[in-house]
Amino acid sequence: IENKKFIVNDTDWAHTLEKGVEDYTDMLFEAVWEG
């Protein structure tokens, strides 16, 4: 994939992926902030 771009064929899948990574990293940060 060096110097190439992804073409998204399934936008629902892409939105689910984006939400998933946001939820995962948010959970990690919340645990850190709780201390």
PDB file of all heavy atoms in Angstrom:
ATOM      1  N   ILE A   1       0.797  -1.221   0.000  1.00  0.00           N
ATOM      2  CA  ILE A   1       0.000   0.000   0.000  1.00  0.00           C
ATOM      3  C   ILE A   1       0.833   1.276   0.000  1.00  0.00           C
ATOM      4  O   ILE A   1       0.277   2.360  -0.018  1.00  0.00           O
ATOM      5  CB  ILE A   1      -0.992   0.029   1.178  1.00  0.00           C
ATOM      6  CG1 ILE A   1      -0.276   0.104   2.517  1.00  0.00           C
ATOM      7  CG2 ILE A   1      -1.952  -1.110   1.110  1.00  0.00           C
ATOM      8  CD1 ILE A   1      -1.189   0.318   3.688  1.00  0.00           C
ATOM      9  N   GLU A   2       2.137   1.154  -0.026  1.00  0.00           N
ATOM     10  CA  GLU A   2       2.980   2.343  -0.037  1.00  0.00           C
ATOM     11  C   GLU A   2       2.598   3.218  -1.222  1.00  0.00           C
ATOM     12  O   GLU A   2       2.520   2.768  -2.363  1.00  0.00           O
ATOM     13  CB  GLU A   2       4.443   1.927  -0.136  1.00  0.00           C
ATOM     14  CG  GLU A   2       5.399   3.088  -0.022  1.00  0.00           C
ATOM     15  CD  GLU A   2       6.836   2.632  -0.044  1.00  0.00           C
ATOM     16  OE1 GLU A   2       7.101   1.431   0.032  1.00  0.00           O
ATOM     17  OE2 GLU A   2       7.687   3.513  -0.144  1.00  0.00           O
ATOM     18  N   ASN A   3       2.320   4.487  -0.940  1.00  0.00           N
ATOM     19  CA  ASN A   3       1.968   5.489  -1.953  1.00  0.00           C
ATOM     20  C   ASN A   3       0.659   5.168  -2.684  1.00  0.00           C
ATOM     21  O   ASN A   3       0.468   5.591  -3.816  1.00  0.00           O
ATOM     22  CB  ASN A   3       3.096   5.675  -2.973  1.00  0.00           C
ATOM     23  CG  ASN A   3       4.358   6.179  -2.321  1.00  0.00           C
ATOM     24  OD1 ASN A   3       4.303   7.019  -1.428  1.00  0.00           O
ATOM     25  ND2 ASN A   3       5.478   5.658  -2.748  1.00  0.00           N
ATOM     26  N   LYS A   4      -0.217   4.415  -2.068  1.00  0.00           N
ATOM     27  CA  LYS A   4      -1.528   4.141  -2.659  1.00  0.00           C
ATOM     28  C   LYS A   4      -2.602   4.596  -1.686  1.00  0.00           C
ATOM     29  O   LYS A   4      -2.347   4.811  -0.517  1.00  0.00           O
ATOM     30  CB  LYS A   4      -1.695   2.655  -2.962  1.00  0.00           C
ATOM     31  CG  LYS A   4      -0.781   2.164  -4.054  1.00  0.00           C
ATOM     32  CD  LYS A   4      -1.104   0.751  -4.449  1.00  0.00           C
ATOM     33  CE  LYS A   4      -0.178   0.315  -5.569  1.00  0.00           C
ATOM     34  NZ  LYS A   4      -0.547  -0.969  -6.112  1.00  0.00           N
ATOM     35  N   LYS A   5      -3.814   4.707  -2.180  1.00  0.00           N
ATOM     36  CA  LYS A   5      -4.937   5.119  -1.354  1.00  0.00           C
ATOM     37  C   LYS A   5      -5.945   3.988  -1.262  1.00  0.00           C
ATOM     38  O   LYS A   5      -6.094   3.197  -2.190  1.00  0.00           O
ATOM     39  CB  LYS A   5      -5.616   6.351  -1.946  1.00  0.00           C
ATOM     40  CG  LYS A   5      -4.753   7.576  -1.935  1.00  0.00           C
ATOM     41  CD  LYS A   5      -5.499   8.749  -2.511  1.00  0.00           C
ATOM     42  CE  LYS A   5      -4.601   9.964  -2.543  1.00  0.00           C
ATOM     43  NZ  LYS A   5      -5.257  11.107  -3.164  1.00  0.00           N
ATOM     44  N   PHE A   6      -6.634   3.934  -0.131  1.00  0.00           N
ATOM     45  CA  PHE A   6      -7.716   2.974   0.030  1.00  0.00           C
ATOM     46  C   PHE A   6      -8.968   3.493  -0.645  1.00  0.00           C
ATOM     47  O   PHE A   6      -9.262   4.678  -0.606  1.00  0.00           O
ATOM     48  CB  PHE A   6      -8.045   2.747   1.515  1.00  0.00           C
ATOM     49  CG  PHE A   6      -7.079   1.861   2.220  1.00  0.00           C
ATOM     50  CD1 PHE A   6      -6.174   2.381   3.126  1.00  0.00           C
ATOM     51  CD2 PHE A   6      -7.083   0.494   2.001  1.00  0.00           C
ATOM     52  CE1 PHE A   6      -5.291   1.572   3.797  1.00  0.00           C
ATOM     53  CE2 PHE A   6      -6.197  -0.336   2.664  1.00  0.00           C
ATOM     54  CZ  PHE A   6      -5.293   0.203   3.563  1.00  0.00           C
ATOM     55  N   ILE A   7      -9.708   2.607  -1.251  1.00  0.00           N
ATOM     56  CA  ILE A   7     -11.041   2.908  -1.781  1.00  0.00           C
ATOM     57  C   ILE A   7     -12.014   2.151  -0.908  1.00  0.00           C
ATOM     58  O   ILE A   7     -11.890   0.943  -0.721  1.00  0.00           O
ATOM     59  CB  ILE A   7     -11.161   2.449  -3.250  1.00  0.00           C
ATOM     60  CG1 ILE A   7     -10.156   3.193  -4.120  1.00  0.00           C
ATOM     61  CG2 ILE A   7     -12.583   2.642  -3.752  1.00  0.00           C
ATOM     62  CD1 ILE A   7      -9.988   2.611  -5.504  1.00  0.00           C
ATOM     63  N   VAL A   8     -12.973   2.875  -0.341  1.00  0.00           N
ATOM     64  CA  VAL A   8     -13.948   2.258   0.548  1.00  0.00           C
ATOM     65  C   VAL A   8     -15.138   1.801  -0.276  1.00  0.00           C
ATOM     66  O   VAL A   8     -15.804   2.601  -0.933  1.00  0.00           O
ATOM     67  CB  VAL A   8     -14.404   3.245   1.650  1.00  0.00           C
ATOM     68  CG1 VAL A   8     -15.476   2.631   2.518  1.00  0.00           C
ATOM     69  CG2 VAL A   8     -13.210   3.699   2.482  1.00  0.00           C
ATOM     70  N   ASN A   9     -15.413   0.501  -0.232  1.00  0.00           N
ATOM     71  CA  ASN A   9     -16.551  -0.073  -0.948  1.00  0.00           C
ATOM     72  C   ASN A   9     -17.773  -0.226  -0.059  1.00  0.00           C
ATOM     73  O   ASN A   9     -18.870  -0.429  -0.570  1.00  0.00           O
ATOM     74  CB  ASN A   9     -16.175  -1.445  -1.523  1.00  0.00           C
ATOM     75  CG  ASN A   9     -15.091  -1.343  -2.577  1.00  0.00           C
ATOM     76  OD1 ASN A   9     -15.047  -0.381  -3.340  1.00  0.00           O
ATOM     77  ND2 ASN A   9     -14.201  -2.312  -2.616  1.00  0.00           N
ATOM     78  N   ASP A  10     -17.593  -0.170   1.247  1.00  0.00           N
ATOM     79  CA  ASP A  10     -18.685  -0.356   2.198  1.00  0.00           C
ATOM     80  C   ASP A  10     -18.584   0.717   3.270  1.00  0.00           C
ATOM     81  O   ASP A  10     -17.840   0.578   4.235  1.00  0.00           O
ATOM     82  CB  ASP A  10     -18.594  -1.764   2.814  1.00  0.00           C
ATOM     83  CG  ASP A  10     -19.764  -2.098   3.716  1.00  0.00           C
ATOM     84  OD1 ASP A  10     -20.448  -1.167   4.196  1.00  0.00           O
ATOM     85  OD2 ASP A  10     -19.981  -3.298   3.967  1.00  0.00           O
ATOM     86  N   THR A  11     -19.329   1.804   3.079  1.00  0.00           N
ATOM     87  CA  THR A  11     -19.229   2.922   4.014  1.00  0.00           C
ATOM     88  C   THR A  11     -19.765   2.569   5.392  1.00  0.00           C
ATOM     89  O   THR A  11     -19.281   3.096   6.389  1.00  0.00           O
ATOM     90  CB  THR A  11     -19.940   4.173   3.474  1.00  0.00           C
ATOM     91  OG1 THR A  11     -21.300   3.856   3.174  1.00  0.00           O
ATOM     92  CG2 THR A  11     -19.241   4.707   2.233  1.00  0.00           C
ATOM     93  N   ASP A  12     -20.756   1.692   5.478  1.00  0.00           N
ATOM     94  CA  ASP A  12     -21.248   1.266   6.794  1.00  0.00           C
ATOM     95  C   ASP A  12     -20.144   0.560   7.569  1.00  0.00           C
ATOM     96  O   ASP A  12     -19.960   0.798   8.767  1.00  0.00           O
ATOM     97  CB  ASP A  12     -22.461   0.340   6.664  1.00  0.00           C
ATOM     98  CG  ASP A  12     -23.700   1.061   6.166  1.00  0.00           C
ATOM     99  OD1 ASP A  12     -23.776   2.308   6.344  1.00  0.00           O
ATOM    100  OD2 ASP A  12     -24.581   0.398   5.602  1.00  0.00           O
ATOM    101  N   TRP A  13     -19.407  -0.305   6.898  1.00  0.00           N
ATOM    102  CA  TRP A  13     -18.280  -0.992   7.523  1.00  0.00           C
ATOM    103  C   TRP A  13     -17.237   0.019   7.998  1.00  0.00           C
ATOM    104  O   TRP A  13     -16.711  -0.078   9.099  1.00  0.00           O
ATOM    105  CB  TRP A  13     -17.651  -1.975   6.529  1.00  0.00           C
ATOM    106  CG  TRP A  13     -16.392  -2.592   7.023  1.00  0.00           C
ATOM    107  CD1 TRP A  13     -16.252  -3.695   7.798  1.00  0.00           C
ATOM    108  CD2 TRP A  13     -15.064  -2.118   6.776  1.00  0.00           C
ATOM    109  NE1 TRP A  13     -14.926  -3.951   8.049  1.00  0.00           N
ATOM    110  CE2 TRP A  13     -14.176  -2.990   7.440  1.00  0.00           C
ATOM    111  CE3 TRP A  13     -14.533  -1.052   6.063  1.00  0.00           C
ATOM    112  CZ2 TRP A  13     -12.795  -2.821   7.409  1.00  0.00           C
ATOM    113  CZ3 TRP A  13     -13.158  -0.888   6.031  1.00  0.00           C
ATOM    114  CH2 TRP A  13     -12.319  -1.767   6.695  1.00  0.00           C
ATOM    115  N   ALA A  14     -16.946   1.016   7.171  1.00  0.00           N
ATOM    116  CA  ALA A  14     -15.951   2.028   7.510  1.00  0.00           C
ATOM    117  C   ALA A  14     -16.388   2.854   8.718  1.00  0.00           C
ATOM    118  O   ALA A  14     -15.581   3.144   9.604  1.00  0.00           O
ATOM    119  CB  ALA A  14     -15.685   2.936   6.313  1.00  0.00           C
ATOM    120  N   HIS A  15     -17.671   3.219   8.773  1.00  0.00           N
ATOM    121  CA  HIS A  15     -18.179   3.973   9.920  1.00  0.00           C
ATOM    122  C   HIS A  15     -18.127   3.130  11.194  1.00  0.00           C
ATOM    123  O   HIS A  15     -17.792   3.642  12.266  1.00  0.00           O
ATOM    124  CB  HIS A  15     -19.601   4.470   9.665  1.00  0.00           C
ATOM    125  CG  HIS A  15     -19.683   5.556   8.644  1.00  0.00           C
ATOM    126  ND1 HIS A  15     -19.087   6.791   8.804  1.00  0.00           N
ATOM    127  CD2 HIS A  15     -20.283   5.597   7.438  1.00  0.00           C
ATOM    128  CE1 HIS A  15     -19.311   7.533   7.750  1.00  0.00           C
ATOM    129  NE2 HIS A  15     -20.037   6.835   6.893  1.00  0.00           N
ATOM    130  N   THR A  16     -18.438   1.856  11.081  1.00  0.00           N
ATOM    131  CA  THR A  16     -18.367   0.953  12.233  1.00  0.00           C
ATOM    132  C   THR A  16     -16.926   0.818  12.710  1.00  0.00           C
ATOM    133  O   THR A  16     -16.664   0.821  13.923  1.00  0.00           O
ATOM    134  CB  THR A  16     -18.948  -0.431  11.864  1.00  0.00           C
ATOM    135  OG1 THR A  16     -20.301  -0.263  11.457  1.00  0.00           O
ATOM    136  CG2 THR A  16     -18.872  -1.391  13.034  1.00  0.00           C
ATOM    137  N   LEU A  17     -15.993   0.724  11.791  1.00  0.00           N
ATOM    138  CA  LEU A  17     -14.575   0.643  12.145  1.00  0.00           C
ATOM    139  C   LEU A  17     -14.128   1.920  12.856  1.00  0.00           C
ATOM    140  O   LEU A  17     -13.454   1.867  13.889  1.00  0.00           O
ATOM    141  CB  LEU A  17     -13.737   0.409  10.895  1.00  0.00           C
ATOM    142  CG  LEU A  17     -12.228   0.360  11.098  1.00  0.00           C
ATOM    143  CD1 LEU A  17     -11.822  -0.781  12.027  1.00  0.00           C
ATOM    144  CD2 LEU A  17     -11.524   0.230   9.752  1.00  0.00           C
ATOM    145  N   GLU A  18     -14.513   3.059  12.310  1.00  0.00           N
ATOM    146  CA  GLU A  18     -14.147   4.337  12.913  1.00  0.00           C
ATOM    147  C   GLU A  18     -14.716   4.464  14.327  1.00  0.00           C
ATOM    148  O   GLU A  18     -14.012   4.850  15.262  1.00  0.00           O
ATOM    149  CB  GLU A  18     -14.655   5.479  12.037  1.00  0.00           C
ATOM    150  CG  GLU A  18     -14.279   6.850  12.532  1.00  0.00           C
ATOM    151  CD  GLU A  18     -14.757   7.948  11.603  1.00  0.00           C
ATOM    152  OE1 GLU A  18     -15.740   7.748  10.857  1.00  0.00           O
ATOM    153  OE2 GLU A  18     -14.144   9.026  11.623  1.00  0.00           O
ATOM    154  N   LYS A  19     -15.971   4.102  14.492  1.00  0.00           N
ATOM    155  CA  LYS A  19     -16.608   4.154  15.819  1.00  0.00           C
ATOM    156  C   LYS A  19     -15.924   3.180  16.772  1.00  0.00           C
ATOM    157  O   LYS A  19     -15.708   3.494  17.946  1.00  0.00           O
ATOM    158  CB  LYS A  19     -18.095   3.813  15.687  1.00  0.00           C
ATOM    159  CG  LYS A  19     -18.856   3.713  16.972  1.00  0.00           C
ATOM    160  CD  LYS A  19     -19.312   5.065  17.449  1.00  0.00           C
ATOM    161  CE  LYS A  19     -20.274   4.938  18.606  1.00  0.00           C
ATOM    162  NZ  LYS A  19     -19.709   5.312  19.874  1.00  0.00           N
ATOM    163  N   GLY A  20     -15.554   2.007  16.284  1.00  0.00           N
ATOM    164  CA  GLY A  20     -14.908   1.006  17.118  1.00  0.00           C
ATOM    165  C   GLY A  20     -13.574   1.472  17.661  1.00  0.00           C
ATOM    166  O   GLY A  20     -13.284   1.314  18.851  1.00  0.00           O
ATOM    167  N   VAL A  21     -12.745   2.064  16.806  1.00  0.00           N
ATOM    168  CA  VAL A  21     -11.432   2.523  17.260  1.00  0.00           C
ATOM    169  C   VAL A  21     -11.578   3.707  18.207  1.00  0.00           C
ATOM    170  O   VAL A  21     -10.837   3.833  19.186  1.00  0.00           O
ATOM    171  CB  VAL A  21     -10.473   2.824  16.087  1.00  0.00           C
ATOM    172  CG1 VAL A  21     -10.826   4.097  15.366  1.00  0.00           C
ATOM    173  CG2 VAL A  21      -9.035   2.859  16.582  1.00  0.00           C
ATOM    174  N   GLU A  22     -12.552   4.569  17.960  1.00  0.00           N
ATOM    175  CA  GLU A  22     -12.803   5.689  18.873  1.00  0.00           C
ATOM    176  C   GLU A  22     -13.261   5.189  20.235  1.00  0.00           C
ATOM    177  O   GLU A  22     -12.785   5.680  21.270  1.00  0.00           O
ATOM    178  CB  GLU A  22     -13.837   6.647  18.293  1.00  0.00           C
ATOM    179  CG  GLU A  22     -13.316   7.479  17.142  1.00  0.00           C
ATOM    180  CD  GLU A  22     -14.388   8.331  16.487  1.00  0.00           C
ATOM    181  OE1 GLU A  22     -15.580   8.260  16.898  1.00  0.00           O
ATOM    182  OE2 GLU A  22     -14.049   9.062  15.548  1.00  0.00           O
ATOM    183  N   ASP A  23     -14.179   4.248  20.252  1.00  0.00           N
ATOM    184  CA  ASP A  23     -14.665   3.696  21.516  1.00  0.00           C
ATOM    185  C   ASP A  23     -13.540   3.011  22.290  1.00  0.00           C
ATOM    186  O   ASP A  23     -13.432   3.147  23.512  1.00  0.00           O
ATOM    187  CB  ASP A  23     -15.806   2.693  21.286  1.00  0.00           C
ATOM    188  CG  ASP A  23     -17.092   3.358  20.838  1.00  0.00           C
ATOM    189  OD1 ASP A  23     -17.192   4.604  20.925  1.00  0.00           O
ATOM    190  OD2 ASP A  23     -17.990   2.624  20.375  1.00  0.00           O
ATOM    191  N   TYR A  24     -12.695   2.261  21.576  1.00  0.00           N
ATOM    192  CA  TYR A  24     -11.590   1.554  22.212  1.00  0.00           C
ATOM    193  C   TYR A  24     -10.596   2.533  22.835  1.00  0.00           C
ATOM    194  O   TYR A  24     -10.237   2.411  24.008  1.00  0.00           O
ATOM    195  CB  TYR A  24     -10.891   0.647  21.197  1.00  0.00           C
ATOM    196  CG  TYR A  24      -9.654  -0.026  21.736  1.00  0.00           C
ATOM    197  CD1 TYR A  24      -9.717  -0.896  22.818  1.00  0.00           C
ATOM    198  CD2 TYR A  24      -8.413   0.213  21.167  1.00  0.00           C
ATOM    199  CE1 TYR A  24      -8.574  -1.508  23.315  1.00  0.00           C
ATOM    200  CE2 TYR A  24      -7.271  -0.402  21.654  1.00  0.00           C
ATOM    201  CZ  TYR A  24      -7.359  -1.252  22.729  1.00  0.00           C
ATOM    202  OH  TYR A  24      -6.225  -1.853  23.226  1.00  0.00           O
ATOM    203  N   THR A  25     -10.157   3.544  22.077  1.00  0.00           N
ATOM    204  CA  THR A  25      -9.184   4.490  22.623  1.00  0.00           C
ATOM    205  C   THR A  25      -9.806   5.372  23.700  1.00  0.00           C
ATOM    206  O   THR A  25      -9.137   5.708  24.680  1.00  0.00           O
ATOM    207  CB  THR A  25      -8.542   5.342  21.514  1.00  0.00           C
ATOM    208  OG1 THR A  25      -9.553   6.003  20.757  1.00  0.00           O
ATOM    209  CG2 THR A  25      -7.678   4.485  20.598  1.00  0.00           C
ATOM    210  N   ASP A  26     -11.086   5.724  23.559  1.00  0.00           N
ATOM    211  CA  ASP A  26     -11.767   6.488  24.612  1.00  0.00           C
ATOM    212  C   ASP A  26     -11.784   5.705  25.917  1.00  0.00           C
ATOM    213  O   ASP A  26     -11.554   6.261  26.992  1.00  0.00           O
ATOM    214  CB  ASP A  26     -13.200   6.838  24.208  1.00  0.00           C
ATOM    215  CG  ASP A  26     -13.270   7.952  23.182  1.00  0.00           C
ATOM    216  OD1 ASP A  26     -12.230   8.596  22.903  1.00  0.00           O
ATOM    217  OD2 ASP A  26     -14.380   8.177  22.642  1.00  0.00           O
ATOM    218  N   MET A  27     -12.056   4.402  25.842  1.00  0.00           N
ATOM    219  CA  MET A  27     -12.074   3.555  27.035  1.00  0.00           C
ATOM    220  C   MET A  27     -10.700   3.557  27.707  1.00  0.00           C
ATOM    221  O   MET A  27     -10.596   3.652  28.942  1.00  0.00           O
ATOM    222  CB  MET A  27     -12.480   2.131  26.655  1.00  0.00           C
ATOM    223  CG  MET A  27     -12.501   1.127  27.804  1.00  0.00           C
ATOM    224  SD  MET A  27     -10.944   0.266  28.154  1.00  0.00           S
ATOM    225  CE  MET A  27     -10.598  -0.570  26.623  1.00  0.00           C
ATOM    226  N   LEU A  28      -9.639   3.495  26.908  1.00  0.00           N
ATOM    227  CA  LEU A  28      -8.291   3.510  27.467  1.00  0.00           C
ATOM    228  C   LEU A  28      -7.991   4.840  28.152  1.00  0.00           C
ATOM    229  O   LEU A  28      -7.464   4.871  29.269  1.00  0.00           O
ATOM    230  CB  LEU A  28      -7.262   3.232  26.370  1.00  0.00           C
ATOM    231  CG  LEU A  28      -7.310   1.842  25.737  1.00  0.00           C
ATOM    232  CD1 LEU A  28      -6.353   1.775  24.556  1.00  0.00           C
ATOM    233  CD2 LEU A  28      -6.995   0.758  26.749  1.00  0.00           C
ATOM    234  N   PHE A  29      -8.333   5.948  27.499  1.00  0.00           N
ATOM    235  CA  PHE A  29      -8.087   7.262  28.097  1.00  0.00           C
ATOM    236  C   PHE A  29      -8.915   7.473  29.357  1.00  0.00           C
ATOM    237  O   PHE A  29      -8.429   8.052  30.337  1.00  0.00           O
ATOM    238  CB  PHE A  29      -8.350   8.381  27.086  1.00  0.00           C
ATOM    239  CG  PHE A  29      -7.201   8.640  26.172  1.00  0.00           C
ATOM    240  CD1 PHE A  29      -7.311   8.368  24.818  1.00  0.00           C
ATOM    241  CD2 PHE A  29      -6.000   9.145  26.645  1.00  0.00           C
ATOM    242  CE1 PHE A  29      -6.249   8.608  23.954  1.00  0.00           C
ATOM    243  CE2 PHE A  29      -4.928   9.378  25.801  1.00  0.00           C
ATOM    244  CZ  PHE A  29      -5.059   9.115  24.447  1.00  0.00           C
ATOM    245  N   GLU A  30     -10.155   7.033  29.356  1.00  0.00           N
ATOM    246  CA  GLU A  30     -10.993   7.178  30.550  1.00  0.00           C
ATOM    247  C   GLU A  30     -10.386   6.450  31.736  1.00  0.00           C
ATOM    248  O   GLU A  30     -10.408   6.948  32.863  1.00  0.00           O
ATOM    249  CB  GLU A  30     -12.409   6.679  30.270  1.00  0.00           C
ATOM    250  CG  GLU A  30     -13.200   7.624  29.392  1.00  0.00           C
ATOM    251  CD  GLU A  30     -14.537   7.044  28.942  1.00  0.00           C
ATOM    252  OE1 GLU A  30     -14.961   6.005  29.478  1.00  0.00           O
ATOM    253  OE2 GLU A  30     -15.146   7.652  28.040  1.00  0.00           O
ATOM    254  N   ALA A  31      -9.823   5.273  31.506  1.00  0.00           N
ATOM    255  CA  ALA A  31      -9.179   4.521  32.585  1.00  0.00           C
ATOM    256  C   ALA A  31      -7.969   5.289  33.122  1.00  0.00           C
ATOM    257  O   ALA A  31      -7.733   5.318  34.332  1.00  0.00           O
ATOM    258  CB  ALA A  31      -8.767   3.136  32.099  1.00  0.00           C
ATOM    259  N   VAL A  32      -7.214   5.936  32.231  1.00  0.00           N
ATOM    260  CA  VAL A  32      -6.055   6.721  32.659  1.00  0.00           C
ATOM    261  C   VAL A  32      -6.515   7.932  33.462  1.00  0.00           C
ATOM    262  O   VAL A  32      -5.955   8.254  34.508  1.00  0.00           O
ATOM    263  CB  VAL A  32      -5.200   7.154  31.447  1.00  0.00           C
ATOM    264  CG1 VAL A  32      -4.146   8.185  31.839  1.00  0.00           C
ATOM    265  CG2 VAL A  32      -4.544   5.942  30.807  1.00  0.00           C
ATOM    266  N   TRP A  33      -7.548   8.608  32.982  1.00  0.00           N
ATOM    267  CA  TRP A  33      -8.021   9.817  33.654  1.00  0.00           C
ATOM    268  C   TRP A  33      -8.596   9.516  35.035  1.00  0.00           C
ATOM    269  O   TRP A  33      -8.526  10.349  35.920  1.00  0.00           O
ATOM    270  CB  TRP A  33      -9.048  10.537  32.793  1.00  0.00           C
ATOM    271  CG  TRP A  33      -8.457  11.098  31.531  1.00  0.00           C
ATOM    272  CD1 TRP A  33      -7.183  11.558  31.346  1.00  0.00           C
ATOM    273  CD2 TRP A  33      -9.105  11.232  30.276  1.00  0.00           C
ATOM    274  NE1 TRP A  33      -7.002  11.979  30.051  1.00  0.00           N
ATOM    275  CE2 TRP A  33      -8.160  11.789  29.366  1.00  0.00           C
ATOM    276  CE3 TRP A  33     -10.385  10.938  29.812  1.00  0.00           C
ATOM    277  CZ2 TRP A  33      -8.471  12.063  28.050  1.00  0.00           C
ATOM    278  CZ3 TRP A  33     -10.685  11.214  28.488  1.00  0.00           C
ATOM    279  CH2 TRP A  33      -9.744  11.773  27.620  1.00  0.00           C
ATOM    280  N   GLU A  34      -9.205   8.324  35.194  1.00  0.00           N
ATOM    281  CA  GLU A  34      -9.727   7.948  36.504  1.00  0.00           C
ATOM    282  C   GLU A  34      -8.597   7.794  37.505  1.00  0.00           C
ATOM    283  O   GLU A  34      -8.787   7.990  38.698  1.00  0.00           O
ATOM    284  CB  GLU A  34     -10.543   6.655  36.406  1.00  0.00           C
ATOM    285  CG  GLU A  34     -11.878   6.838  35.727  1.00  0.00           C
ATOM    286  CD  GLU A  34     -12.624   5.525  35.547  1.00  0.00           C
ATOM    287  OE1 GLU A  34     -12.150   4.496  36.071  1.00  0.00           O
ATOM    288  OE2 GLU A  34     -13.665   5.536  34.885  1.00  0.00           O
ATOM    289  N   GLY A  35      -7.436   7.405  37.019  1.00  0.00           N
ATOM    290  CA  GLY A  35      -6.258   7.324  37.856  1.00  0.00           C
ATOM    291  C   GLY A  35      -6.273   6.256  38.919  1.00  0.00           C
ATOM    292  O   GLY A  35      -5.493   6.280  39.853  1.00  0.00           O
TER     293      GLY A  35
END
